[in-house]
Amino acid sequence: MLNSFFKLDSNNTSVRTEFIAGLTTFLAMSYILGVNPTMLSEGGMSTSAVFFATALASGVSCIIMGLVSKYPVGLAPGMGMNALFTYTIIIAMGNQWNVALAAVFISSIIFLIITISGLRETILDAIPNDLRLAIGAGIGFFLAFIGLKGAGIIVSNPSTIVSMGSLTSAPALLAFIGIFITLILYIKKVPLSVFLGLIITAIIGLIFTLCGFIGHGILMPSVPTQWVSTSFDVSLFGAFASGFKGLFSNIPNLIIILFSLLFVTFFDTTGTLIPLANKCGFVDEETGDVEGIDKAFLGDAIGGIVGAVLGTSTLTAYVESATGISLGGRTGLTSVFTGIFFLISIFFAPTILSLFTAPVTAAALVIVGMMISQLKDIEWDSLMVTSSVFMTIIMMILTYSISLGIAWGFITYVFAGLANGKAKKLGWSVWIMVVVFVIYLFVIY
């Protein structure tokens, strides 16, 4: 039955291979089970509830992706999307977390409509490629900054705004050790480097805790008193519905939030699925057509809806799925197995939450932030491109807002285009977005 449904033979794979690939993909992605609750809790959400929502939504969405698209791709709350959710929509814009969940639900519905209607290709063609690359890189820098700040390596300073904290404090020292352990594993191309770095850092954190080191306000790992969960925190289930009133009470605010979510989700998903499809051999070398990509986008959009209903930030395809693909995973059965492992992880909430605190997850955020190789493809010889890329990245970090970075990047791109006489080459969709961003920056914000 499995062979017939997933076409295992024609894809030169087997149930055993798909099982190993699914397990490997889960292990490569599993750091999100520690990172996401830590990050979303800063927006006022229950840590245990976010863990439950993250594990359950990831498990269900991976299974949906496998059954709908038959792609060996895992889904989980996106790194960058959770930052946009917490630090921009909730903290910077002053919204409640249930409002943010409502926005995730609506944006996922819109993304589903865009996918079904075929508007995806039109929108994709309208956005300058260099800005897409800059946004991805900017989110990487932003995540690294969040990780360093959360661990106490970077602290606020009234004289210089930010400065380096004391590296001899327990949280900062643990994060520092974890970053360089993970970096060494990553450079040596050790499989599951981020996951192994988390485990090693957590073990060192336990040793720190047992030796009497304290967190000074930043949570350190602790020895879990309960290893298997006996109750599930479902308090976030359906909570998005209570956020609609607050979301629609400010229409300009609604437009900016939805645009930011859709934009980041759209290009994060596209930038992940296309390379993975190519790695699987699903891309026609002559025409460039990608087999089954629409169904993959469909599975991704449904995953976002599932995440909002269960109570977490937007789910997206994970580039770490390449680890399973490299071991021979070629069908949706890999994703199904990945989803099953996420569901099993629900029972180990106390252990995971007590171990993966901010100093431990800092390494994952920093290493993920280092993955900015896309910058090499930017047209650096063009001052129009260089200036907009620079403004996107620097403003994303300094304003502590992904959407503000995107806004500054688009505005700079258009003004630089006016300066060098290339304004006529800009598409109408770019001008519409710039108008929206100008209104947001100078009227609403």
Protein backbone atom coordinates (compact mmCIF):
# COMPACT_ATOMS: atom_id res chain seq x y z
CA MET A 1 0.00 0.00 0.00
CA LEU A 2 2.80 2.42 0.94
CA ASN A 3 4.72 1.55 -2.21
CA SER A 4 1.66 2.19 -4.35
CA PHE A 5 0.69 5.49 -2.70
CA PHE A 6 4.17 7.03 -2.40
CA LYS A 7 5.66 5.30 -5.47
CA LEU A 8 8.67 4.08 -3.52
CA ASP A 9 10.04 1.82 -6.26
CA SER A 10 9.91 4.46 -8.97
CA ASN A 11 11.74 6.86 -6.65
CA ASN A 12 14.42 4.25 -5.86
CA THR A 13 13.68 4.22 -2.15
CA SER A 14 12.18 1.94 0.51
CA VAL A 15 10.23 2.15 3.76
CA ARG A 16 13.47 1.65 5.72
CA THR A 17 15.23 4.45 3.83
CA GLU A 18 12.26 6.78 4.27
CA PHE A 19 12.12 5.96 8.00
CA ILE A 20 15.81 6.81 8.51
CA ALA A 21 15.42 9.97 6.41
CA GLY A 22 12.36 11.02 8.44
CA LEU A 23 14.16 10.47 11.74
CA THR A 24 17.19 12.39 10.52
CA THR A 25 15.04 15.30 9.34
CA PHE A 26 13.27 15.38 12.71
CA LEU A 27 16.56 15.44 14.62
CA ALA A 28 17.84 18.27 12.39
CA MET A 29 14.64 20.28 12.97
CA SER A 30 14.04 19.40 16.61
CA TYR A 31 15.86 22.45 17.96
CA ILE A 32 12.65 24.37 17.21
CA LEU A 33 11.01 22.52 20.13
CA GLY A 34 13.32 24.39 22.45
CA VAL A 35 13.71 27.66 20.56
CA ASN A 36 10.07 28.40 19.70
CA PRO A 37 8.59 28.22 23.24
CA THR A 38 11.44 30.37 24.55
CA MET A 39 10.93 33.00 21.87
CA LEU A 40 7.11 33.16 21.87
CA SER A 41 6.98 33.27 25.66
CA GLU A 42 8.59 36.72 25.42
CA GLY A 43 5.34 37.82 23.81
CA GLY A 44 3.35 36.73 26.86
CA MET A 45 2.42 33.21 25.78
CA SER A 46 2.64 30.15 28.03
CA THR A 47 5.89 28.27 27.44
CA SER A 48 4.36 24.85 28.00
CA ALA A 49 1.37 25.68 25.79
CA VAL A 50 3.64 26.89 22.97
CA PHE A 51 5.69 23.69 23.23
CA PHE A 52 2.54 21.59 22.89
CA ALA A 53 1.29 23.70 19.97
CA THR A 54 4.71 23.59 18.27
CA ALA A 55 5.08 19.82 18.53
CA LEU A 56 1.48 19.02 17.59
CA ALA A 57 1.27 21.53 14.71
CA SER A 58 4.62 20.39 13.31
CA GLY A 59 3.61 16.74 13.54
CA VAL A 60 0.22 17.22 11.88
CA SER A 61 1.60 19.55 9.20
CA CYS A 62 4.48 17.23 8.28
CA ILE A 63 2.00 14.40 7.80
CA ILE A 64 -0.25 16.65 5.68
CA MET A 65 2.72 17.73 3.55
CA GLY A 66 3.69 14.11 3.00
CA LEU A 67 0.20 13.00 2.04
CA VAL A 68 -0.74 16.04 -0.09
CA SER A 69 2.49 16.86 -1.93
CA LYS A 70 4.48 13.62 -1.42
CA TYR A 71 7.54 15.84 -0.86
CA PRO A 72 10.14 14.68 1.75
CA VAL A 73 9.95 18.06 3.47
CA GLY A 74 9.37 18.78 7.15
CA LEU A 75 7.28 21.71 8.42
CA ALA A 76 7.57 23.59 11.72
CA PRO A 77 7.25 27.18 12.99
CA GLY A 78 9.70 29.13 10.86
CA MET A 79 12.81 30.74 12.28
CA GLY A 80 12.28 34.36 11.33
CA MET A 81 8.53 33.98 11.29
CA ASN A 82 8.54 33.44 15.05
CA ALA A 83 10.75 36.50 15.42
CA LEU A 84 8.35 38.56 13.30
CA PHE A 85 5.47 37.20 15.36
CA THR A 86 7.01 38.03 18.75
CA TYR A 87 9.32 40.99 18.37
CA THR A 88 7.49 42.93 15.67
CA ILE A 89 3.76 42.13 15.76
CA ILE A 90 3.47 41.71 19.54
CA ILE A 91 6.27 43.73 21.16
CA ALA A 92 7.10 46.49 18.64
CA MET A 93 3.54 47.06 17.38
CA GLY A 94 1.92 46.55 20.78
CA ASN A 95 -0.54 43.79 19.85
CA GLN A 96 -1.74 40.97 22.11
CA TRP A 97 -0.56 37.47 21.23
CA ASN A 98 -4.09 36.34 20.33
CA VAL A 99 -4.23 39.18 17.78
CA ALA A 100 -0.97 37.91 16.29
CA LEU A 101 -2.42 34.39 16.07
CA ALA A 102 -5.49 35.77 14.28
CA ALA A 103 -3.17 37.50 11.79
CA VAL A 104 -1.30 34.23 11.20
CA PHE A 105 -4.61 32.47 10.54
CA ILE A 106 -5.79 35.08 8.01
CA SER A 107 -2.42 35.31 6.26
CA SER A 108 -2.33 31.51 5.92
CA ILE A 109 -5.82 31.56 4.38
CA ILE A 110 -4.69 34.25 1.93
CA PHE A 111 -1.54 32.27 1.14
CA LEU A 112 -3.73 29.25 0.44
CA ILE A 113 -5.86 31.30 -1.96
CA ILE A 114 -2.77 32.71 -3.66
CA THR A 115 -1.44 29.20 -4.16
CA ILE A 116 -4.67 27.79 -5.54
CA SER A 117 -5.33 30.77 -7.83
CA GLY A 118 -1.89 30.80 -9.42
CA LEU A 119 -1.06 34.31 -8.23
CA ARG A 120 2.13 32.97 -6.65
CA GLU A 121 4.18 33.23 -9.83
CA THR A 122 2.91 36.74 -10.59
CA ILE A 123 3.85 38.03 -7.16
CA LEU A 124 7.19 36.25 -7.22
CA ASP A 125 8.15 37.83 -10.53
CA ALA A 126 7.23 41.32 -9.29
CA ILE A 127 9.69 41.43 -6.37
CA PRO A 128 13.31 42.34 -7.18
CA ASN A 129 15.50 39.30 -6.61
CA ASP A 130 18.17 41.27 -4.75
CA LEU A 131 15.62 42.41 -2.17
CA ARG A 132 14.49 38.82 -1.63
CA LEU A 133 18.08 37.83 -0.91
CA ALA A 134 18.59 40.83 1.37
CA ILE A 135 15.48 40.03 3.42
CA GLY A 136 16.63 36.45 3.96
CA ALA A 137 20.08 37.59 5.03
CA GLY A 138 18.64 40.34 7.22
CA ILE A 139 16.49 37.83 9.07
CA GLY A 140 19.63 35.76 9.65
CA PHE A 141 21.43 38.70 11.25
CA PHE A 142 18.32 39.53 13.25
CA LEU A 143 18.05 35.99 14.63
CA ALA A 144 21.71 36.02 15.63
CA PHE A 145 21.21 39.34 17.44
CA ILE A 146 18.19 37.92 19.29
CA GLY A 147 20.21 34.88 20.35
CA LEU A 148 23.14 36.95 21.63
CA LYS A 149 20.82 39.32 23.46
CA GLY A 150 18.78 36.55 25.05
CA ALA A 151 21.91 34.90 26.42
CA GLY A 152 23.33 38.11 27.90
CA ILE A 153 26.31 38.32 25.53
CA ILE A 154 24.85 41.54 24.11
CA VAL A 155 23.24 43.87 26.68
CA SER A 156 21.70 47.33 26.69
CA ASN A 157 23.92 50.28 27.52
CA PRO A 158 22.64 53.84 28.13
CA SER A 159 25.81 55.34 26.63
CA THR A 160 26.26 53.17 23.53
CA ILE A 161 22.74 51.68 23.23
CA VAL A 162 24.19 48.15 23.18
CA SER A 163 27.45 46.64 24.38
CA MET A 164 28.95 43.28 25.27
CA GLY A 165 27.88 41.75 28.55
CA SER A 166 30.08 39.94 31.03
CA LEU A 167 31.26 36.70 29.49
CA THR A 168 32.01 35.34 32.96
CA SER A 169 28.31 35.29 33.88
CA ALA A 170 26.90 31.78 33.74
CA PRO A 171 24.34 32.35 30.89
CA ALA A 172 26.74 34.27 28.66
CA LEU A 173 29.59 31.81 29.24
CA LEU A 174 27.32 28.84 28.48
CA ALA A 175 26.03 30.49 25.30
CA PHE A 176 29.59 31.41 24.25
CA ILE A 177 30.71 27.79 24.69
CA GLY A 178 27.64 26.49 22.88
CA ILE A 179 28.11 28.82 19.91
CA PHE A 180 31.67 27.73 19.30
CA ILE A 181 30.94 24.04 19.83
CA THR A 182 28.12 24.25 17.29
CA LEU A 183 30.27 26.34 14.95
CA ILE A 184 33.03 23.72 15.00
CA LEU A 185 30.52 20.97 14.22
CA TYR A 186 28.99 23.09 11.45
CA ILE A 187 32.35 23.91 9.83
CA LYS A 188 33.37 20.24 9.95
CA LYS A 189 30.03 19.46 8.25
CA VAL A 190 29.01 17.07 10.99
CA PRO A 191 25.45 15.81 10.32
CA LEU A 192 22.84 17.38 12.64
CA SER A 193 25.38 19.98 13.81
CA VAL A 194 22.76 22.36 15.23
CA PHE A 195 20.93 19.57 17.05
CA LEU A 196 24.16 18.09 18.47
CA GLY A 197 25.30 21.56 19.51
CA LEU A 198 22.05 22.02 21.44
CA ILE A 199 22.41 18.68 23.22
CA ILE A 200 26.05 19.27 24.16
CA THR A 201 25.31 22.81 25.35
CA ALA A 202 22.35 21.59 27.41
CA ILE A 203 24.53 18.94 29.08
CA ILE A 204 27.18 21.55 29.90
CA GLY A 205 24.38 23.78 31.24
CA LEU A 206 23.25 20.98 33.54
CA ILE A 207 26.80 20.68 34.85
CA PHE A 208 26.84 24.47 35.41
CA THR A 209 23.57 24.22 37.32
CA LEU A 210 24.73 21.30 39.48
CA CYS A 211 27.91 23.27 40.28
CA GLY A 212 25.81 26.14 41.63
CA PHE A 213 25.94 28.65 38.77
CA ILE A 214 22.80 30.81 38.53
CA GLY A 215 21.20 32.66 35.69
CA HIS A 216 21.01 36.23 37.04
CA GLY A 217 17.53 36.69 35.58
CA ILE A 218 18.19 34.55 32.51
CA LEU A 219 16.95 30.98 32.81
CA MET A 220 19.64 28.32 33.02
CA PRO A 221 19.00 24.63 32.29
CA SER A 222 17.69 22.68 35.26
CA VAL A 223 17.43 19.03 36.11
CA PRO A 224 13.87 18.02 35.11
CA THR A 225 11.85 16.52 37.95
CA GLN A 226 9.52 14.85 35.47
CA TRP A 227 10.76 13.12 32.33
CA VAL A 228 7.47 12.19 30.71
CA SER A 229 4.50 14.53 30.41
CA THR A 230 1.25 13.37 31.99
CA SER A 231 -0.86 16.35 30.93
CA PHE A 232 -1.01 18.52 27.84
CA ASP A 233 -1.34 22.31 27.91
CA VAL A 234 -4.01 23.01 25.30
CA SER A 235 -4.78 26.55 26.47
CA LEU A 236 -3.77 28.04 23.10
CA PHE A 237 -6.06 25.82 21.04
CA GLY A 238 -8.51 28.06 19.15
CA ALA A 239 -7.26 31.20 20.94
CA PHE A 240 -6.77 32.92 17.58
CA ALA A 241 -10.54 33.48 17.33
CA SER A 242 -10.51 35.94 20.24
CA GLY A 243 -7.96 38.10 18.41
CA PHE A 244 -10.09 39.04 15.40
CA LYS A 245 -11.74 41.99 17.15
CA GLY A 246 -8.41 43.56 18.06
CA LEU A 247 -6.95 42.81 14.64
CA PHE A 248 -9.75 44.49 12.67
CA SER A 249 -9.98 47.48 15.02
CA ASN A 250 -6.99 49.06 13.26
CA ILE A 251 -7.16 48.48 9.49
CA PRO A 252 -3.82 50.16 8.56
CA ASN A 253 -2.14 48.09 11.25
CA LEU A 254 -3.88 45.00 9.86
CA ILE A 255 -2.59 45.68 6.34
CA ILE A 256 1.03 46.04 7.51
CA ILE A 257 0.89 42.89 9.63
CA LEU A 258 -0.68 40.76 6.90
CA PHE A 259 1.68 42.09 4.25
CA SER A 260 4.73 41.36 6.44
CA LEU A 261 3.52 37.84 7.25
CA LEU A 262 2.64 37.05 3.65
CA PHE A 263 5.85 38.50 2.27
CA VAL A 264 8.20 36.70 4.63
CA THR A 265 6.21 33.45 4.44
CA PHE A 266 6.04 33.56 0.66
CA PHE A 267 9.73 34.02 0.03
CA ASP A 268 10.89 31.87 2.92
CA THR A 269 8.82 29.00 1.56
CA THR A 270 9.85 29.58 -2.05
CA GLY A 271 13.51 29.90 -1.15
CA THR A 272 13.34 26.59 0.72
CA LEU A 273 11.13 24.39 -1.45
CA ILE A 274 12.80 25.10 -4.79
CA PRO A 275 16.34 24.05 -3.70
CA LEU A 276 14.95 20.97 -1.89
CA ALA A 277 12.95 19.97 -4.97
CA ASN A 278 16.10 20.34 -7.03
CA LYS A 279 18.01 18.14 -4.57
CA CYS A 280 15.31 15.48 -4.96
CA GLY A 281 15.52 15.64 -8.74
CA PHE A 282 12.05 17.14 -9.17
CA VAL A 283 13.25 20.08 -11.34
CA ASP A 284 13.29 19.71 -15.11
CA GLU A 285 16.76 20.84 -16.19
CA GLU A 286 15.56 21.97 -19.63
CA THR A 287 12.37 23.86 -18.77
CA GLY A 288 13.03 24.66 -15.11
CA ASP A 289 9.56 23.38 -14.18
CA VAL A 290 9.27 21.96 -10.68
CA GLU A 291 7.22 18.78 -10.37
CA GLY A 292 4.48 19.01 -7.74
CA ILE A 293 5.57 22.42 -6.41
CA ASP A 294 1.97 23.72 -6.29
CA LYS A 295 0.96 20.83 -4.04
CA ALA A 296 3.99 21.53 -1.86
CA PHE A 297 2.89 25.16 -1.51
CA LEU A 298 -0.61 23.91 -0.76
CA GLY A 299 0.70 21.68 2.03
CA ASP A 300 2.71 24.56 3.42
CA ALA A 301 -0.31 26.89 3.44
CA ILE A 302 -2.46 24.30 5.20
CA GLY A 303 0.33 23.91 7.76
CA GLY A 304 0.13 27.62 8.54
CA ILE A 305 -3.59 27.34 9.21
CA VAL A 306 -3.04 24.33 11.47
CA GLY A 307 -0.39 26.26 13.42
CA ALA A 308 -2.65 29.26 13.98
CA VAL A 309 -5.53 27.07 15.16
CA LEU A 310 -3.30 25.18 17.59
CA GLY A 311 -1.60 28.34 18.84
CA THR A 312 1.82 28.99 17.31
CA SER A 313 3.49 31.23 14.74
CA THR A 314 3.50 30.50 11.00
CA LEU A 315 4.75 27.08 9.94
CA THR A 316 6.99 26.78 6.92
CA ALA A 317 9.15 24.26 5.05
CA TYR A 318 12.52 23.64 6.72
CA VAL A 319 15.79 23.68 4.80
CA GLU A 320 17.03 21.09 7.34
CA SER A 321 14.93 18.62 5.37
CA ALA A 322 17.99 18.38 3.13
CA THR A 323 19.59 16.15 5.77
CA GLY A 324 16.93 13.49 5.26
CA ILE A 325 16.99 13.93 1.49
CA SER A 326 20.77 13.42 1.50
CA LEU A 327 20.17 10.00 3.12
CA GLY A 328 17.81 8.93 0.35
CA GLY A 329 14.42 10.34 1.38
CA ARG A 330 12.51 10.96 -1.82
CA THR A 331 8.78 10.73 -1.04
CA GLY A 332 6.16 12.04 1.32
CA LEU A 333 6.67 9.00 3.54
CA THR A 334 9.77 10.76 4.88
CA SER A 335 7.59 13.70 5.95
CA VAL A 336 5.03 11.36 7.51
CA PHE A 337 7.72 9.72 9.64
CA THR A 338 9.08 13.16 10.60
CA GLY A 339 5.59 14.16 11.72
CA ILE A 340 5.21 11.01 13.81
CA PHE A 341 8.43 11.80 15.67
CA PHE A 342 7.18 15.32 16.39
CA LEU A 343 3.99 13.86 17.85
CA ILE A 344 6.01 11.49 20.03
CA SER A 345 8.07 14.42 21.34
CA ILE A 346 4.92 15.85 22.99
CA PHE A 347 5.32 13.34 25.81
CA PHE A 348 8.76 14.74 26.72
CA ALA A 349 7.78 18.38 27.28
CA PRO A 350 9.18 18.71 30.84
CA THR A 351 12.59 17.43 29.79
CA ILE A 352 12.90 19.58 26.67
CA LEU A 353 11.60 22.80 28.28
CA SER A 354 13.89 22.48 31.31
CA LEU A 355 16.98 21.90 29.17
CA PHE A 356 16.53 24.22 26.17
CA THR A 357 16.62 27.66 27.80
CA ALA A 358 17.78 30.94 26.19
CA PRO A 359 21.56 30.41 26.78
CA VAL A 360 21.28 26.95 25.22
CA THR A 361 19.22 27.95 22.18
CA ALA A 362 21.42 30.98 21.50
CA ALA A 363 23.82 28.76 19.57
CA ALA A 364 21.05 27.60 17.21
CA LEU A 365 19.94 31.18 16.55
CA VAL A 366 23.48 32.37 15.87
CA ILE A 367 24.43 29.46 13.62
CA VAL A 368 21.18 29.71 11.65
CA GLY A 369 21.93 33.44 11.35
CA MET A 370 25.33 32.65 9.84
CA MET A 371 23.71 30.88 6.91
CA ILE A 372 23.70 33.99 4.72
CA SER A 373 25.44 32.62 1.65
CA GLN A 374 22.70 34.12 -0.53
CA LEU A 375 24.44 37.48 -0.21
CA LYS A 376 27.04 36.31 -2.73
CA ASP A 377 24.37 36.36 -5.46
CA ILE A 378 23.51 40.04 -4.95
CA GLU A 379 24.50 42.50 -7.68
CA TRP A 380 26.96 44.48 -5.56
CA ASP A 381 28.18 46.57 -8.52
CA SER A 382 24.83 48.38 -8.61
CA LEU A 383 24.57 51.23 -6.10
CA MET A 384 20.79 51.00 -6.38
CA VAL A 385 20.93 47.41 -5.19
CA THR A 386 23.70 47.92 -2.66
CA SER A 387 21.96 50.81 -0.92
CA SER A 388 18.61 49.00 -0.64
CA VAL A 389 20.25 45.78 0.60
CA PHE A 390 22.22 47.73 3.19
CA MET A 391 19.12 49.59 4.45
CA THR A 392 17.08 46.38 4.62
CA ILE A 393 19.62 44.60 6.79
CA ILE A 394 20.75 47.46 9.02
CA MET A 395 17.25 48.77 9.74
CA MET A 396 15.91 45.28 10.41
CA ILE A 397 18.50 44.89 13.16
CA LEU A 398 18.52 48.41 14.60
CA THR A 399 14.73 48.81 14.67
CA TYR A 400 14.34 45.27 16.03
CA SER A 401 11.68 44.72 13.38
CA ILE A 402 11.62 42.55 10.27
CA SER A 403 8.76 44.48 8.67
CA LEU A 404 10.46 47.84 9.21
CA GLY A 405 13.60 46.48 7.57
CA ILE A 406 11.55 45.37 4.58
CA ALA A 407 9.88 48.78 4.41
CA TRP A 408 13.17 50.70 4.43
CA GLY A 409 14.61 48.35 1.82
CA PHE A 410 11.73 48.89 -0.62
CA ILE A 411 11.68 52.65 -0.15
CA THR A 412 15.43 52.92 -0.66
CA TYR A 413 15.21 50.73 -3.75
CA VAL A 414 12.64 53.01 -5.36
CA PHE A 415 14.38 56.28 -4.45
CA ALA A 416 17.70 54.92 -5.71
CA GLY A 417 15.91 53.90 -8.90
CA LEU A 418 14.62 57.47 -9.31
CA ALA A 419 18.15 58.80 -8.83
CA ASN A 420 19.72 56.66 -11.56
CA GLY A 421 16.81 56.90 -14.00
CA LYS A 422 15.58 53.33 -13.68
CA ALA A 423 12.25 54.14 -12.07
CA LYS A 424 10.34 53.23 -15.24
CA LYS A 425 11.63 49.66 -15.00
CA LEU A 426 10.00 49.14 -11.61
CA GLY A 427 6.78 47.15 -11.68
CA TRP A 428 3.46 48.61 -10.55
CA SER A 429 3.32 46.17 -7.64
CA VAL A 430 6.58 47.59 -6.26
CA TRP A 431 5.13 51.11 -6.34
CA ILE A 432 2.00 49.94 -4.52
CA MET A 433 4.07 48.32 -1.81
CA VAL A 434 6.23 51.41 -1.43
CA VAL A 435 3.15 53.61 -1.00
CA VAL A 436 1.91 51.25 1.73
CA PHE A 437 5.30 51.33 3.45
CA VAL A 438 5.57 55.14 3.30
CA ILE A 439 2.13 55.52 4.85
CA TYR A 440 3.08 53.03 7.55
CA LEU A 441 6.44 54.65 8.41
CA PHE A 442 5.40 58.31 8.34
CA VAL A 443 1.71 58.22 9.23
CA ILE A 444 0.87 55.06 11.20
CA TYR A 445 4.02 53.96 13.00
